[in-house]
Amino acid sequence: MVHVLDVAARAAIDRYLELIGQALGGACAGIYLTGSAALGDWLPGRSDPDFRTVTNRSLDEADLDALAALHEQYLRCGIRSRDDTGYMRRVDPGYQRLQPRW
């Protein structure tokens, strides 16, 4: 099934891709479109695109400052009314599987 997004959605997605490239450069491993845009439930004029961004490394203070500025720019551009973007690291070399404690 092919989902067609409106012009505003495409503009928001394109703007995010531009800004994340400027903010993180090579630290960005991938970007996933989630929510209504990915599920075919997009409502023009009501929905906004949601992203999950995967990084190649842990983010330092400079990265976090760049992301804060990115999100301010993104919200000010008027394409979205809120920002539901999430970030995660692709691999954590220090990860240890532990038994859950309930």
N, C-alpha and C. Protein backbone atom coordinates (compact mmCIF):
# COMPACT_ATOMS: atom_id res chain seq x y z
N MET A 1 0.84 -1.17 0.00
CA MET A 1 0.00 0.00 0.00
C MET A 1 0.90 1.24 0.00
N VAL A 2 0.58 2.21 -0.81
CA VAL A 2 1.32 3.46 -0.90
C VAL A 2 0.54 4.54 -0.17
N HIS A 3 1.22 5.23 0.74
CA HIS A 3 0.60 6.33 1.48
C HIS A 3 1.09 7.64 0.88
N VAL A 4 0.18 8.53 0.62
CA VAL A 4 0.53 9.82 0.05
C VAL A 4 0.41 10.88 1.13
N LEU A 5 1.49 11.63 1.35
CA LEU A 5 1.49 12.70 2.33
C LEU A 5 1.27 14.03 1.63
N ASP A 6 0.64 14.96 2.32
CA ASP A 6 0.40 16.27 1.72
C ASP A 6 1.68 17.11 1.68
N VAL A 7 1.59 18.26 1.04
CA VAL A 7 2.75 19.12 0.84
C VAL A 7 3.35 19.57 2.17
N ALA A 8 2.51 19.88 3.15
CA ALA A 8 3.00 20.31 4.46
C ALA A 8 3.80 19.20 5.15
N ALA A 9 3.34 17.97 5.03
CA ALA A 9 4.05 16.85 5.63
C ALA A 9 5.41 16.67 4.98
N ARG A 10 5.45 16.70 3.66
CA ARG A 10 6.72 16.57 2.94
C ARG A 10 7.67 17.69 3.32
N ALA A 11 7.14 18.91 3.46
CA ALA A 11 7.97 20.05 3.83
C ALA A 11 8.56 19.87 5.23
N ALA A 12 7.75 19.36 6.16
CA ALA A 12 8.23 19.12 7.52
C ALA A 12 9.31 18.05 7.54
N ILE A 13 9.11 16.99 6.80
CA ILE A 13 10.09 15.91 6.74
C ILE A 13 11.39 16.41 6.10
N ASP A 14 11.28 17.10 4.99
CA ASP A 14 12.47 17.63 4.32
C ASP A 14 13.23 18.59 5.22
N ARG A 15 12.51 19.45 5.95
CA ARG A 15 13.15 20.41 6.85
C ARG A 15 13.87 19.69 7.97
N TYR A 16 13.26 18.66 8.55
CA TYR A 16 13.91 17.90 9.61
C TYR A 16 15.19 17.24 9.10
N LEU A 17 15.13 16.64 7.93
CA LEU A 17 16.32 15.99 7.37
C LEU A 17 17.46 16.99 7.18
N GLU A 18 17.11 18.18 6.72
CA GLU A 18 18.12 19.23 6.54
C GLU A 18 18.73 19.63 7.88
N LEU A 19 17.89 19.86 8.88
CA LEU A 19 18.37 20.33 10.18
C LEU A 19 19.15 19.26 10.93
N ILE A 20 18.72 18.01 10.86
CA ILE A 20 19.43 16.95 11.59
C ILE A 20 20.81 16.72 10.97
N GLY A 21 20.91 16.85 9.66
CA GLY A 21 22.21 16.74 9.01
C GLY A 21 23.17 17.82 9.48
N GLN A 22 22.66 19.03 9.66
CA GLN A 22 23.48 20.14 10.15
C GLN A 22 23.87 19.93 11.62
N ALA A 23 22.95 19.42 12.42
CA ALA A 23 23.18 19.29 13.85
C ALA A 23 24.10 18.13 14.21
N LEU A 24 23.89 16.97 13.60
CA LEU A 24 24.64 15.78 13.99
C LEU A 24 25.63 15.27 12.96
N GLY A 25 25.46 15.67 11.72
CA GLY A 25 26.40 15.22 10.68
C GLY A 25 26.53 13.71 10.65
N GLY A 26 27.75 13.22 10.75
CA GLY A 26 28.04 11.79 10.67
C GLY A 26 27.58 10.98 11.85
N ALA A 27 27.14 11.61 12.93
CA ALA A 27 26.65 10.86 14.09
C ALA A 27 25.27 10.27 13.84
N CYS A 28 24.58 10.74 12.82
CA CYS A 28 23.23 10.25 12.51
C CYS A 28 23.32 8.96 11.70
N ALA A 29 22.82 7.87 12.26
CA ALA A 29 22.88 6.57 11.58
C ALA A 29 21.63 6.29 10.77
N GLY A 30 20.51 6.86 11.17
CA GLY A 30 19.26 6.61 10.46
C GLY A 30 18.12 7.39 11.05
N ILE A 31 17.11 7.63 10.23
CA ILE A 31 15.93 8.35 10.67
C ILE A 31 14.71 7.54 10.24
N TYR A 32 13.81 7.32 11.18
CA TYR A 32 12.60 6.55 10.90
C TYR A 32 11.38 7.43 11.09
N LEU A 33 10.51 7.42 10.11
CA LEU A 33 9.25 8.13 10.19
C LEU A 33 8.26 7.20 10.90
N THR A 34 7.61 7.69 11.95
CA THR A 34 6.70 6.86 12.75
C THR A 34 5.34 7.54 12.83
N GLY A 35 4.46 6.98 13.59
CA GLY A 35 3.16 7.59 13.83
C GLY A 35 2.23 7.49 12.63
N SER A 36 1.32 8.46 12.56
CA SER A 36 0.26 8.41 11.55
C SER A 36 0.81 8.46 10.12
N ALA A 37 1.91 9.18 9.91
CA ALA A 37 2.49 9.26 8.56
C ALA A 37 2.98 7.89 8.09
N ALA A 38 3.53 7.11 9.00
CA ALA A 38 4.04 5.80 8.63
C ALA A 38 2.95 4.74 8.56
N LEU A 39 1.87 4.96 9.29
CA LEU A 39 0.80 3.96 9.37
C LEU A 39 -0.35 4.18 8.40
N GLY A 40 -0.25 5.27 7.62
CA GLY A 40 -1.32 5.54 6.66
C GLY A 40 -2.53 6.22 7.25
N ASP A 41 -2.38 6.78 8.45
CA ASP A 41 -3.48 7.46 9.12
C ASP A 41 -3.33 8.98 9.10
N TRP A 42 -2.54 9.48 8.18
CA TRP A 42 -2.24 10.91 8.09
C TRP A 42 -3.52 11.71 7.84
N LEU A 43 -3.74 12.75 8.64
CA LEU A 43 -4.88 13.65 8.46
C LEU A 43 -4.33 15.04 8.13
N PRO A 44 -4.41 15.47 6.87
CA PRO A 44 -3.88 16.79 6.49
C PRO A 44 -4.47 17.89 7.37
N GLY A 45 -3.58 18.77 7.83
CA GLY A 45 -4.00 19.87 8.67
C GLY A 45 -4.13 19.51 10.14
N ARG A 46 -4.07 18.23 10.47
CA ARG A 46 -4.21 17.81 11.86
C ARG A 46 -3.00 17.01 12.34
N SER A 47 -2.49 16.11 11.50
CA SER A 47 -1.36 15.26 11.88
C SER A 47 -0.05 16.01 11.74
N ASP A 48 0.95 15.52 12.46
CA ASP A 48 2.31 16.01 12.28
C ASP A 48 3.23 14.81 12.22
N PRO A 49 4.35 14.92 11.48
CA PRO A 49 5.25 13.77 11.36
C PRO A 49 6.04 13.54 12.65
N ASP A 50 6.21 12.29 13.00
CA ASP A 50 7.00 11.90 14.16
C ASP A 50 8.22 11.14 13.66
N PHE A 51 9.35 11.38 14.30
CA PHE A 51 10.60 10.75 13.88
C PHE A 51 11.26 10.02 15.04
N ARG A 52 12.03 9.01 14.72
CA ARG A 52 12.96 8.37 15.64
C ARG A 52 14.31 8.43 14.93
N THR A 53 15.27 9.03 15.59
CA THR A 53 16.59 9.21 15.01
C THR A 53 17.58 8.33 15.76
N VAL A 54 18.35 7.55 15.04
CA VAL A 54 19.34 6.63 15.61
C VAL A 54 20.72 7.23 15.38
N THR A 55 21.54 7.23 16.44
CA THR A 55 22.89 7.78 16.34
C THR A 55 23.94 6.68 16.40
N ASN A 56 25.12 6.98 15.85
CA ASN A 56 26.24 6.04 15.85
C ASN A 56 27.00 6.03 17.17
N ARG A 57 26.77 7.03 17.98
CA ARG A 57 27.54 7.16 19.21
C ARG A 57 26.68 7.88 20.25
N SER A 58 27.17 7.88 21.48
CA SER A 58 26.50 8.66 22.52
C SER A 58 26.64 10.13 22.17
N LEU A 59 25.64 10.91 22.54
CA LEU A 59 25.67 12.33 22.25
C LEU A 59 26.28 13.09 23.42
N ASP A 60 27.17 14.03 23.08
CA ASP A 60 27.80 14.83 24.12
C ASP A 60 27.04 16.15 24.30
N GLU A 61 27.54 17.00 25.18
CA GLU A 61 26.86 18.27 25.47
C GLU A 61 26.72 19.14 24.22
N ALA A 62 27.75 19.17 23.38
CA ALA A 62 27.68 19.97 22.14
C ALA A 62 26.57 19.45 21.23
N ASP A 63 26.45 18.12 21.13
CA ASP A 63 25.38 17.52 20.33
C ASP A 63 24.01 17.90 20.88
N LEU A 64 23.87 17.81 22.20
CA LEU A 64 22.59 18.13 22.82
C LEU A 64 22.23 19.60 22.63
N ASP A 65 23.22 20.47 22.71
CA ASP A 65 22.98 21.90 22.44
C ASP A 65 22.54 22.10 20.99
N ALA A 66 23.20 21.40 20.06
CA ALA A 66 22.83 21.51 18.64
C ALA A 66 21.41 20.99 18.41
N LEU A 67 21.03 19.91 19.10
CA LEU A 67 19.68 19.38 18.96
C LEU A 67 18.64 20.32 19.55
N ALA A 68 18.97 20.96 20.67
CA ALA A 68 18.03 21.93 21.26
C ALA A 68 17.79 23.08 20.28
N ALA A 69 18.85 23.56 19.65
CA ALA A 69 18.71 24.64 18.67
C ALA A 69 17.92 24.15 17.46
N LEU A 70 18.16 22.92 17.03
CA LEU A 70 17.43 22.33 15.90
C LEU A 70 15.94 22.32 16.19
N HIS A 71 15.57 21.86 17.35
CA HIS A 71 14.14 21.75 17.67
C HIS A 71 13.48 23.11 17.79
N GLU A 72 14.20 24.09 18.31
CA GLU A 72 13.66 25.45 18.36
C GLU A 72 13.40 25.97 16.95
N GLN A 73 14.36 25.79 16.05
CA GLN A 73 14.20 26.21 14.66
C GLN A 73 13.02 25.49 14.02
N TYR A 74 12.94 24.21 14.27
CA TYR A 74 11.90 23.38 13.65
C TYR A 74 10.51 23.84 14.08
N LEU A 75 10.36 24.14 15.37
CA LEU A 75 9.06 24.59 15.86
C LEU A 75 8.73 26.00 15.36
N ARG A 76 9.75 26.86 15.27
CA ARG A 76 9.54 28.24 14.81
C ARG A 76 9.19 28.32 13.34
N CYS A 77 9.56 27.30 12.55
CA CYS A 77 9.30 27.38 11.11
C CYS A 77 7.81 27.31 10.81
N GLY A 78 6.98 26.94 11.80
CA GLY A 78 5.53 26.98 11.63
C GLY A 78 4.92 25.76 10.97
N ILE A 79 5.73 24.78 10.63
CA ILE A 79 5.20 23.59 9.98
C ILE A 79 4.54 22.67 11.00
N ARG A 80 5.06 22.66 12.19
CA ARG A 80 4.54 21.78 13.24
C ARG A 80 4.18 22.59 14.47
N SER A 81 3.23 22.08 15.23
CA SER A 81 2.86 22.75 16.47
C SER A 81 3.54 22.11 17.67
N ARG A 82 4.08 20.93 17.51
CA ARG A 82 4.80 20.26 18.59
C ARG A 82 5.87 19.36 18.00
N ASP A 83 6.71 18.84 18.86
CA ASP A 83 7.84 18.03 18.40
C ASP A 83 7.86 16.71 19.17
N ASP A 84 7.62 15.61 18.48
CA ASP A 84 7.58 14.29 19.11
C ASP A 84 8.78 13.44 18.71
N THR A 85 9.89 14.07 18.39
CA THR A 85 11.05 13.34 17.93
C THR A 85 11.76 12.66 19.09
N GLY A 86 12.23 11.44 18.87
CA GLY A 86 13.01 10.71 19.87
C GLY A 86 14.35 10.31 19.31
N TYR A 87 15.31 10.11 20.19
CA TYR A 87 16.67 9.73 19.78
C TYR A 87 17.07 8.48 20.53
N MET A 88 17.85 7.64 19.85
CA MET A 88 18.38 6.44 20.50
C MET A 88 19.73 6.10 19.89
N ARG A 89 20.57 5.50 20.69
CA ARG A 89 21.87 5.07 20.20
C ARG A 89 21.73 3.69 19.59
N ARG A 90 22.39 3.48 18.45
CA ARG A 90 22.26 2.22 17.74
C ARG A 90 22.82 1.06 18.55
N VAL A 91 24.01 1.21 19.12
CA VAL A 91 24.65 0.14 19.87
C VAL A 91 25.25 0.73 21.14
N ASP A 92 25.04 0.07 22.25
CA ASP A 92 25.67 0.48 23.49
C ASP A 92 26.66 -0.61 23.88
N PRO A 93 27.98 -0.38 23.67
CA PRO A 93 28.96 -1.44 23.94
C PRO A 93 28.98 -1.88 25.40
N GLY A 94 28.52 -1.03 26.31
CA GLY A 94 28.52 -1.39 27.72
C GLY A 94 27.27 -2.10 28.19
N TYR A 95 26.35 -2.40 27.27
CA TYR A 95 25.09 -3.03 27.64
C TYR A 95 25.32 -4.41 28.22
N GLN A 96 24.65 -4.69 29.33
CA GLN A 96 24.68 -6.02 29.93
C GLN A 96 23.25 -6.46 30.18
N ARG A 97 22.93 -7.63 29.70
CA ARG A 97 21.58 -8.14 29.92
C ARG A 97 21.47 -8.59 31.37
N LEU A 98 20.49 -8.06 32.06
CA LEU A 98 20.27 -8.39 33.46
C LEU A 98 18.88 -9.00 33.62
N GLN A 99 18.74 -9.81 34.64
CA GLN A 99 17.42 -10.34 34.95
C GLN A 99 16.57 -9.19 35.49
N PRO A 100 15.34 -9.06 35.01
CA PRO A 100 14.50 -7.99 35.55
C PRO A 100 14.13 -8.26 37.00
N ARG A 101 13.99 -7.20 37.75
CA ARG A 101 13.55 -7.31 39.15
C ARG A 101 12.16 -6.71 39.24
N TRP A 102 11.21 -7.53 39.62
CA TRP A 102 9.84 -7.05 39.70
C TRP A 102 9.42 -6.94 41.13
